Amino acid sequence: MKKEHYVIREITINAPQQKVYDFLKLLRNQDKFKKWAQADPNRNWEYKGTDGTEGFIISWSGNNKAGKGEKEIMKLVEGKRIETQIRFT
């Protein structure tokens, strides 16, 4: 299996682009709609840095479905692009 994978998704949201970007760049907001974030309601969370900025890390540890890992904001292109890296442990 390859060590790196790239996922690109597109969806149309009827809202101003900047408003959508400002919501999504906060990793804590992304958990409101992610299937895996809801797999274990008792999951332990840790946060390092300032959410919505490059270098912010959200870590989790949960049951077998949720697993353990972290997600980091690697690069932000204001109003256009959010690059993250997910590391499972």
PDB file of N, CA and C in Angstrom:
ATOM      1  N   MET A   1       0.835  -1.177   0.000  1.00  0.00           N
ATOM      2  CA  MET A   1       0.000   0.000   0.000  1.00  0.00           C
ATOM      3  C   MET A   1       0.887   1.251   0.000  1.00  0.00           C
ATOM      4  N   LYS A   2       0.499   2.240  -0.762  1.00  0.00           N
ATOM      5  CA  LYS A   2       1.241   3.494  -0.805  1.00  0.00           C
ATOM      6  C   LYS A   2       1.221   4.178   0.562  1.00  0.00           C
ATOM      7  N   LYS A   3       2.288   4.918   0.861  1.00  0.00           N
ATOM      8  CA  LYS A   3       2.361   5.635   2.140  1.00  0.00           C
ATOM      9  C   LYS A   3       1.592   6.956   2.087  1.00  0.00           C
ATOM     10  N   GLU A   4       1.391   7.493   0.902  1.00  0.00           N
ATOM     11  CA  GLU A   4       0.682   8.759   0.767  1.00  0.00           C
ATOM     12  C   GLU A   4      -0.549   8.584  -0.116  1.00  0.00           C
ATOM     13  N   HIS A   5      -1.618   9.227   0.277  1.00  0.00           N
ATOM     14  CA  HIS A   5      -2.861   9.219  -0.480  1.00  0.00           C
ATOM     15  C   HIS A   5      -3.385  10.648  -0.551  1.00  0.00           C
ATOM     16  N   TYR A   6      -4.008  10.976  -1.628  1.00  0.00           N
ATOM     17  CA  TYR A   6      -4.580  12.306  -1.799  1.00  0.00           C
ATOM     18  C   TYR A   6      -6.076  12.165  -2.051  1.00  0.00           C
ATOM     19  N   VAL A   7      -6.843  12.952  -1.328  1.00  0.00           N
ATOM     20  CA  VAL A   7      -8.293  12.944  -1.490  1.00  0.00           C
ATOM     21  C   VAL A   7      -8.720  14.357  -1.845  1.00  0.00           C
ATOM     22  N   ILE A   8      -9.455  14.484  -2.915  1.00  0.00           N
ATOM     23  CA  ILE A   8      -9.992  15.778  -3.327  1.00  0.00           C
ATOM     24  C   ILE A   8     -11.497  15.610  -3.452  1.00  0.00           C
ATOM     25  N   ARG A   9     -12.222  16.489  -2.805  1.00  0.00           N
ATOM     26  CA  ARG A   9     -13.683  16.442  -2.861  1.00  0.00           C
ATOM     27  C   ARG A   9     -14.203  17.812  -3.264  1.00  0.00           C
ATOM     28  N   GLU A  10     -15.321  17.813  -3.938  1.00  0.00           N
ATOM     29  CA  GLU A  10     -15.969  19.065  -4.317  1.00  0.00           C
ATOM     30  C   GLU A  10     -17.442  18.986  -3.977  1.00  0.00           C
ATOM     31  N   ILE A  11     -17.973  20.106  -3.535  1.00  0.00           N
ATOM     32  CA  ILE A  11     -19.396  20.221  -3.241  1.00  0.00           C
ATOM     33  C   ILE A  11     -19.783  21.679  -3.479  1.00  0.00           C
ATOM     34  N   THR A  12     -21.006  21.904  -3.909  1.00  0.00           N
ATOM     35  CA  THR A  12     -21.488  23.263  -4.107  1.00  0.00           C
ATOM     36  C   THR A  12     -22.304  23.672  -2.885  1.00  0.00           C
ATOM     37  N   ILE A  13     -21.922  24.786  -2.280  1.00  0.00           N
ATOM     38  CA  ILE A  13     -22.618  25.318  -1.108  1.00  0.00           C
ATOM     39  C   ILE A  13     -23.121  26.704  -1.479  1.00  0.00           C
ATOM     40  N   ASN A  14     -24.382  26.957  -1.258  1.00  0.00           N
ATOM     41  CA  ASN A  14     -24.985  28.233  -1.609  1.00  0.00           C
ATOM     42  C   ASN A  14     -24.701  29.272  -0.521  1.00  0.00           C
ATOM     43  N   ALA A  15     -23.446  29.728  -0.497  1.00  0.00           N
ATOM     44  CA  ALA A  15     -23.003  30.738   0.468  1.00  0.00           C
ATOM     45  C   ALA A  15     -21.761  31.410  -0.111  1.00  0.00           C
ATOM     46  N   PRO A  16     -21.438  32.595   0.376  1.00  0.00           N
ATOM     47  CA  PRO A  16     -20.217  33.251  -0.106  1.00  0.00           C
ATOM     48  C   PRO A  16     -18.973  32.400   0.177  1.00  0.00           C
ATOM     49  N   GLN A  17     -18.059  32.362  -0.783  1.00  0.00           N
ATOM     50  CA  GLN A  17     -16.866  31.528  -0.668  1.00  0.00           C
ATOM     51  C   GLN A  17     -16.086  31.822   0.609  1.00  0.00           C
ATOM     52  N   GLN A  18     -15.920  33.082   0.965  1.00  0.00           N
ATOM     53  CA  GLN A  18     -15.134  33.438   2.148  1.00  0.00           C
ATOM     54  C   GLN A  18     -15.796  32.924   3.423  1.00  0.00           C
ATOM     55  N   LYS A  19     -17.115  32.959   3.477  1.00  0.00           N
ATOM     56  CA  LYS A  19     -17.835  32.459   4.654  1.00  0.00           C
ATOM     57  C   LYS A  19     -17.608  30.953   4.830  1.00  0.00           C
ATOM     58  N   VAL A  20     -17.657  30.198   3.728  1.00  0.00           N
ATOM     59  CA  VAL A  20     -17.418  28.755   3.776  1.00  0.00           C
ATOM     60  C   VAL A  20     -15.978  28.481   4.187  1.00  0.00           C
ATOM     61  N   TYR A  21     -15.035  29.194   3.601  1.00  0.00           N
ATOM     62  CA  TYR A  21     -13.624  29.023   3.935  1.00  0.00           C
ATOM     63  C   TYR A  21     -13.373  29.289   5.414  1.00  0.00           C
ATOM     64  N   ASP A  22     -13.913  30.394   5.924  1.00  0.00           N
ATOM     65  CA  ASP A  22     -13.710  30.752   7.334  1.00  0.00           C
ATOM     66  C   ASP A  22     -14.253  29.680   8.277  1.00  0.00           C
ATOM     67  N   PHE A  23     -15.334  29.009   7.894  1.00  0.00           N
ATOM     68  CA  PHE A  23     -15.896  27.930   8.708  1.00  0.00           C
ATOM     69  C   PHE A  23     -15.011  26.681   8.631  1.00  0.00           C
ATOM     70  N   LEU A  24     -14.610  26.294   7.420  1.00  0.00           N
ATOM     71  CA  LEU A  24     -13.876  25.041   7.232  1.00  0.00           C
ATOM     72  C   LEU A  24     -12.433  25.080   7.713  1.00  0.00           C
ATOM     73  N   LYS A  25     -11.802  26.247   7.735  1.00  0.00           N
ATOM     74  CA  LYS A  25     -10.404  26.287   8.169  1.00  0.00           C
ATOM     75  C   LYS A  25     -10.252  25.983   9.658  1.00  0.00           C
ATOM     76  N   LEU A  26     -11.349  26.022  10.401  1.00  0.00           N
ATOM     77  CA  LEU A  26     -11.323  25.642  11.819  1.00  0.00           C
ATOM     78  C   LEU A  26     -11.577  24.143  11.907  1.00  0.00           C
ATOM     79  N   LEU A  27     -10.570  23.378  12.292  1.00  0.00           N
ATOM     80  CA  LEU A  27     -10.712  21.918  12.337  1.00  0.00           C
ATOM     81  C   LEU A  27     -11.807  21.478  13.293  1.00  0.00           C
ATOM     82  N   ARG A  28     -12.032  22.231  14.346  1.00  0.00           N
ATOM     83  CA  ARG A  28     -13.110  21.870  15.286  1.00  0.00           C
ATOM     84  C   ARG A  28     -14.478  21.928  14.598  1.00  0.00           C
ATOM     85  N   ASN A  29     -14.656  22.807  13.634  1.00  0.00           N
ATOM     86  CA  ASN A  29     -15.918  22.878  12.888  1.00  0.00           C
ATOM     87  C   ASN A  29     -16.087  21.671  11.973  1.00  0.00           C
ATOM     88  N   GLN A  30     -15.006  21.162  11.419  1.00  0.00           N
ATOM     89  CA  GLN A  30     -15.097  20.035  10.493  1.00  0.00           C
ATOM     90  C   GLN A  30     -15.675  18.799  11.174  1.00  0.00           C
ATOM     91  N   ASP A  31     -15.458  18.654  12.471  1.00  0.00           N
ATOM     92  CA  ASP A  31     -15.963  17.484  13.194  1.00  0.00           C
ATOM     93  C   ASP A  31     -17.481  17.483  13.323  1.00  0.00           C
ATOM     94  N   LYS A  32     -18.128  18.582  13.011  1.00  0.00           N
ATOM     95  CA  LYS A  32     -19.586  18.651  13.083  1.00  0.00           C
ATOM     96  C   LYS A  32     -20.256  17.836  11.975  1.00  0.00           C
ATOM     97  N   PHE A  33     -19.513  17.516  10.911  1.00  0.00           N
ATOM     98  CA  PHE A  33     -20.113  16.770   9.811  1.00  0.00           C
ATOM     99  C   PHE A  33     -19.298  15.558   9.368  1.00  0.00           C
ATOM    100  N   LYS A  34     -18.185  15.265  10.024  1.00  0.00           N
ATOM    101  CA  LYS A  34     -17.378  14.104   9.643  1.00  0.00           C
ATOM    102  C   LYS A  34     -17.914  12.831  10.288  1.00  0.00           C
ATOM    103  N   LYS A  35     -18.118  11.820   9.481  1.00  0.00           N
ATOM    104  CA  LYS A  35     -18.632  10.528   9.953  1.00  0.00           C
ATOM    105  C   LYS A  35     -17.732   9.925  11.037  1.00  0.00           C
ATOM    106  N   TRP A  36     -16.413   9.947  10.819  1.00  0.00           N
ATOM    107  CA  TRP A  36     -15.497   9.300  11.763  1.00  0.00           C
ATOM    108  C   TRP A  36     -15.400  10.056  13.072  1.00  0.00           C
ATOM    109  N   ALA A  37     -15.612  11.352  13.053  1.00  0.00           N
ATOM    110  CA  ALA A  37     -15.569  12.131  14.299  1.00  0.00           C
ATOM    111  C   ALA A  37     -16.731  11.763  15.206  1.00  0.00           C
ATOM    112  N   GLN A  38     -17.796  11.238  14.627  1.00  0.00           N
ATOM    113  CA  GLN A  38     -18.987  10.883  15.396  1.00  0.00           C
ATOM    114  C   GLN A  38     -19.008   9.396  15.768  1.00  0.00           C
ATOM    115  N   ALA A  39     -17.953   8.645  15.410  1.00  0.00           N
ATOM    116  CA  ALA A  39     -17.916   7.203  15.650  1.00  0.00           C
ATOM    117  C   ALA A  39     -17.813   6.853  17.134  1.00  0.00           C
ATOM    118  N   ASP A  40     -17.270   7.757  17.939  1.00  0.00           N
ATOM    119  CA  ASP A  40     -17.120   7.513  19.371  1.00  0.00           C
ATOM    120  C   ASP A  40     -17.405   8.808  20.122  1.00  0.00           C
ATOM    121  N   PRO A  41     -18.601   8.941  20.714  1.00  0.00           N
ATOM    122  CA  PRO A  41     -18.941  10.170  21.430  1.00  0.00           C
ATOM    123  C   PRO A  41     -18.083  10.408  22.672  1.00  0.00           C
ATOM    124  N   ASN A  42     -17.386   9.387  23.151  1.00  0.00           N
ATOM    125  CA  ASN A  42     -16.536   9.526  24.342  1.00  0.00           C
ATOM    126  C   ASN A  42     -15.058   9.665  23.985  1.00  0.00           C
ATOM    127  N   ARG A  43     -14.776   9.956  22.764  1.00  0.00           N
ATOM    128  CA  ARG A  43     -13.398  10.106  22.292  1.00  0.00           C
ATOM    129  C   ARG A  43     -12.687  11.220  23.065  1.00  0.00           C
ATOM    130  N   ASN A  44     -11.392  11.020  23.325  1.00  0.00           N
ATOM    131  CA  ASN A  44     -10.561  12.047  23.968  1.00  0.00           C
ATOM    132  C   ASN A  44      -9.939  12.922  22.891  1.00  0.00           C
ATOM    133  N   TRP A  45      -9.978  14.240  23.097  1.00  0.00           N
ATOM    134  CA  TRP A  45      -9.443  15.201  22.134  1.00  0.00           C
ATOM    135  C   TRP A  45      -8.312  16.001  22.775  1.00  0.00           C
ATOM    136  N   GLU A  46      -7.314  16.352  21.992  1.00  0.00           N
ATOM    137  CA  GLU A  46      -6.247  17.262  22.409  1.00  0.00           C
ATOM    138  C   GLU A  46      -6.022  18.257  21.292  1.00  0.00           C
ATOM    139  N   TYR A  47      -5.703  19.495  21.671  1.00  0.00           N
ATOM    140  CA  TYR A  47      -5.496  20.552  20.684  1.00  0.00           C
ATOM    141  C   TYR A  47      -4.149  21.217  20.941  1.00  0.00           C
ATOM    142  N   LYS A  48      -3.388  21.462  19.864  1.00  0.00           N
ATOM    143  CA  LYS A  48      -2.091  22.134  19.972  1.00  0.00           C
ATOM    144  C   LYS A  48      -2.068  23.285  18.992  1.00  0.00           C
ATOM    145  N   GLY A  49      -1.847  24.480  19.490  1.00  0.00           N
ATOM    146  CA  GLY A  49      -1.773  25.651  18.634  1.00  0.00           C
ATOM    147  C   GLY A  49      -3.093  26.394  18.565  1.00  0.00           C
ATOM    148  N   THR A  50      -3.209  27.225  17.545  1.00  0.00           N
ATOM    149  CA  THR A  50      -4.394  28.060  17.343  1.00  0.00           C
ATOM    150  C   THR A  50      -5.175  27.522  16.154  1.00  0.00           C
ATOM    151  N   ASP A  51      -6.418  27.102  16.410  1.00  0.00           N
ATOM    152  CA  ASP A  51      -7.254  26.555  15.346  1.00  0.00           C
ATOM    153  C   ASP A  51      -7.402  27.583  14.231  1.00  0.00           C
ATOM    154  N   GLY A  52      -7.374  27.091  12.996  1.00  0.00           N
ATOM    155  CA  GLY A  52      -7.523  27.965  11.833  1.00  0.00           C
ATOM    156  C   GLY A  52      -6.207  28.562  11.369  1.00  0.00           C
ATOM    157  N   THR A  53      -5.073  28.095  11.943  1.00  0.00           N
ATOM    158  CA  THR A  53      -3.767  28.576  11.516  1.00  0.00           C
ATOM    159  C   THR A  53      -2.888  27.385  11.152  1.00  0.00           C
ATOM    160  N   GLU A  54      -1.898  27.619  10.290  1.00  0.00           N
ATOM    161  CA  GLU A  54      -0.968  26.561   9.905  1.00  0.00           C
ATOM    162  C   GLU A  54      -0.246  26.045  11.144  1.00  0.00           C
ATOM    163  N   GLY A  55      -0.138  24.723  11.233  1.00  0.00           N
ATOM    164  CA  GLY A  55       0.524  24.101  12.372  1.00  0.00           C
ATOM    165  C   GLY A  55      -0.416  23.646  13.474  1.00  0.00           C
ATOM    166  N   PHE A  56      -1.690  24.051  13.424  1.00  0.00           N
ATOM    167  CA  PHE A  56      -2.650  23.601  14.432  1.00  0.00           C
ATOM    168  C   PHE A  56      -2.849  22.097  14.295  1.00  0.00           C
ATOM    169  N   ILE A  57      -2.858  21.399  15.440  1.00  0.00           N
ATOM    170  CA  ILE A  57      -3.030  19.944  15.446  1.00  0.00           C
ATOM    171  C   ILE A  57      -4.178  19.569  16.372  1.00  0.00           C
ATOM    172  N   ILE A  58      -5.076  18.738  15.866  1.00  0.00           N
ATOM    173  CA  ILE A  58      -6.144  18.164  16.681  1.00  0.00           C
ATOM    174  C   ILE A  58      -5.855  16.661  16.753  1.00  0.00           C
ATOM    175  N   SER A  59      -5.750  16.123  17.978  1.00  0.00           N
ATOM    176  CA  SER A  59      -5.453  14.701  18.179  1.00  0.00           C
ATOM    177  C   SER A  59      -6.638  14.026  18.828  1.00  0.00           C
ATOM    178  N   TRP A  60      -6.811  12.737  18.543  1.00  0.00           N
ATOM    179  CA  TRP A  60      -7.915  12.002  19.143  1.00  0.00           C
ATOM    180  C   TRP A  60      -7.482  10.600  19.528  1.00  0.00           C
ATOM    181  N   SER A  61      -8.218  10.041  20.473  1.00  0.00           N
ATOM    182  CA  SER A  61      -8.029   8.663  20.905  1.00  0.00           C
ATOM    183  C   SER A  61      -9.398   8.154  21.309  1.00  0.00           C
ATOM    184  N   GLY A  62      -9.824   7.041  20.700  1.00  0.00           N
ATOM    185  CA  GLY A  62     -11.170   6.544  20.970  1.00  0.00           C
ATOM    186  C   GLY A  62     -11.276   5.040  20.843  1.00  0.00           C
ATOM    187  N   ASN A  63     -12.495   4.582  20.670  1.00  0.00           N
ATOM    188  CA  ASN A  63     -12.762   3.147  20.548  1.00  0.00           C
ATOM    189  C   ASN A  63     -12.188   2.598  19.234  1.00  0.00           C
ATOM    190  N   ASN A  64     -12.464   1.315  18.941  1.00  0.00           N
ATOM    191  CA  ASN A  64     -11.921   0.682  17.727  1.00  0.00           C
ATOM    192  C   ASN A  64     -12.364   1.375  16.447  1.00  0.00           C
ATOM    193  N   LYS A  65     -13.583   1.900  16.406  1.00  0.00           N
ATOM    194  CA  LYS A  65     -14.061   2.594  15.205  1.00  0.00           C
ATOM    195  C   LYS A  65     -13.362   3.944  15.033  1.00  0.00           C
ATOM    196  N   ALA A  66     -13.182   4.659  16.132  1.00  0.00           N
ATOM    197  CA  ALA A  66     -12.581   5.991  16.076  1.00  0.00           C
ATOM    198  C   ALA A  66     -11.073   5.932  15.929  1.00  0.00           C
ATOM    199  N   GLY A  67     -10.443   4.960  16.567  1.00  0.00           N
ATOM    200  CA  GLY A  67      -8.998   4.817  16.485  1.00  0.00           C
ATOM    201  C   GLY A  67      -8.247   5.940  17.185  1.00  0.00           C
ATOM    202  N   LYS A  68      -7.003   6.135  16.761  1.00  0.00           N
ATOM    203  CA  LYS A  68      -6.139   7.137  17.364  1.00  0.00           C
ATOM    204  C   LYS A  68      -5.338   7.800  16.253  1.00  0.00           C
ATOM    205  N   GLY A  69      -5.186   9.108  16.336  1.00  0.00           N
ATOM    206  CA  GLY A  69      -4.414   9.815  15.327  1.00  0.00           C
ATOM    207  C   GLY A  69      -4.439  11.303  15.548  1.00  0.00           C
ATOM    208  N   GLU A  70      -4.026  12.036  14.514  1.00  0.00           N
ATOM    209  CA  GLU A  70      -4.028  13.490  14.582  1.00  0.00           C
ATOM    210  C   GLU A  70      -4.182  14.070  13.183  1.00  0.00           C
ATOM    211  N   LYS A  71      -4.658  15.307  13.149  1.00  0.00           N
ATOM    212  CA  LYS A  71      -4.834  16.029  11.888  1.00  0.00           C
ATOM    213  C   LYS A  71      -4.194  17.395  12.066  1.00  0.00           C
ATOM    214  N   GLU A  72      -3.381  17.789  11.096  1.00  0.00           N
ATOM    215  CA  GLU A  72      -2.650  19.054  11.180  1.00  0.00           C
ATOM    216  C   GLU A  72      -2.956  19.931   9.968  1.00  0.00           C
ATOM    217  N   ILE A  73      -3.109  21.227  10.200  1.00  0.00           N
ATOM    218  CA  ILE A  73      -3.246  22.184   9.102  1.00  0.00           C
ATOM    219  C   ILE A  73      -1.836  22.446   8.574  1.00  0.00           C
ATOM    220  N   MET A  74      -1.603  22.056   7.328  1.00  0.00           N
ATOM    221  CA  MET A  74      -0.280  22.188   6.729  1.00  0.00           C
ATOM    222  C   MET A  74      -0.114  23.503   5.966  1.00  0.00           C
ATOM    223  N   LYS A  75      -1.179  23.914   5.248  1.00  0.00           N
ATOM    224  CA  LYS A  75      -1.073  25.123   4.429  1.00  0.00           C
ATOM    225  C   LYS A  75      -2.455  25.717   4.234  1.00  0.00           C
ATOM    226  N   LEU A  76      -2.521  27.036   4.317  1.00  0.00           N
ATOM    227  CA  LEU A  76      -3.761  27.767   4.053  1.00  0.00           C
ATOM    228  C   LEU A  76      -3.503  28.777   2.945  1.00  0.00           C
ATOM    229  N   VAL A  77      -4.381  28.785   1.959  1.00  0.00           N
ATOM    230  CA  VAL A  77      -4.367  29.816   0.929  1.00  0.00           C
ATOM    231  C   VAL A  77      -5.664  30.586   1.148  1.00  0.00           C
ATOM    232  N   GLU A  78      -5.552  31.763   1.720  1.00  0.00           N
ATOM    233  CA  GLU A  78      -6.702  32.528   2.201  1.00  0.00           C
ATOM    234  C   GLU A  78      -7.852  32.575   1.199  1.00  0.00           C
ATOM    235  N   GLY A  79      -8.994  32.096   1.672  1.00  0.00           N
ATOM    236  CA  GLY A  79     -10.215  32.129   0.888  1.00  0.00           C
ATOM    237  C   GLY A  79     -10.322  31.080  -0.209  1.00  0.00           C
ATOM    238  N   LYS A  80      -9.286  30.240  -0.381  1.00  0.00           N
ATOM    239  CA  LYS A  80      -9.284  29.324  -1.524  1.00  0.00           C
ATOM    240  C   LYS A  80      -8.973  27.865  -1.191  1.00  0.00           C
ATOM    241  N   ARG A  81      -8.015  27.615  -0.300  1.00  0.00           N
ATOM    242  CA  ARG A  81      -7.511  26.244  -0.148  1.00  0.00           C
ATOM    243  C   ARG A  81      -7.091  25.964   1.296  1.00  0.00           C
ATOM    244  N   ILE A  82      -7.381  24.742   1.737  1.00  0.00           N
ATOM    245  CA  ILE A  82      -6.989  24.260   3.071  1.00  0.00           C
ATOM    246  C   ILE A  82      -6.311  22.912   2.869  1.00  0.00           C
ATOM    247  N   GLU A  83      -5.044  22.809   3.236  1.00  0.00           N
ATOM    248  CA  GLU A  83      -4.311  21.549   3.110  1.00  0.00           C
ATOM    249  C   GLU A  83      -4.073  21.003   4.507  1.00  0.00           C
ATOM    250  N   THR A  84      -4.470  19.744   4.723  1.00  0.00           N
ATOM    251  CA  THR A  84      -4.275  19.104   6.016  1.00  0.00           C
ATOM    252  C   THR A  84      -3.570  17.774   5.822  1.00  0.00           C
ATOM    253  N   GLN A  85      -3.022  17.283   6.905  1.00  0.00           N
ATOM    254  CA  GLN A  85      -2.407  15.965   6.896  1.00  0.00           C
ATOM    255  C   GLN A  85      -3.002  15.172   8.059  1.00  0.00           C
ATOM    256  N   ILE A  86      -3.431  13.950   7.774  1.00  0.00           N
ATOM    257  CA  ILE A  86      -3.981  13.060   8.805  1.00  0.00           C
ATOM    258  C   ILE A  86      -2.958  11.965   9.050  1.00  0.00           C
ATOM    259  N   ARG A  87      -2.649  11.747  10.330  1.00  0.00           N
ATOM    260  CA  ARG A  87      -1.699  10.698  10.709  1.00  0.00           C
ATOM    261  C   ARG A  87      -2.404   9.767  11.695  1.00  0.00           C
ATOM    262  N   PHE A  88      -2.516   8.504  11.326  1.00  0.00           N
ATOM    263  CA  PHE A  88      -3.125   7.503  12.208  1.00  0.00           C
ATOM    264  C   PHE A  88      -2.013   6.775  12.965  1.00  0.00           C
ATOM    265  N   THR A  89      -2.286   6.461  14.228  1.00  0.00           N
ATOM    266  CA  THR A  89      -1.298   5.730  15.037  1.00  0.00           C
ATOM    267  C   THR A  89      -1.902   4.455  15.565  1.00  0.00           C
TER     268      THR A  89
END
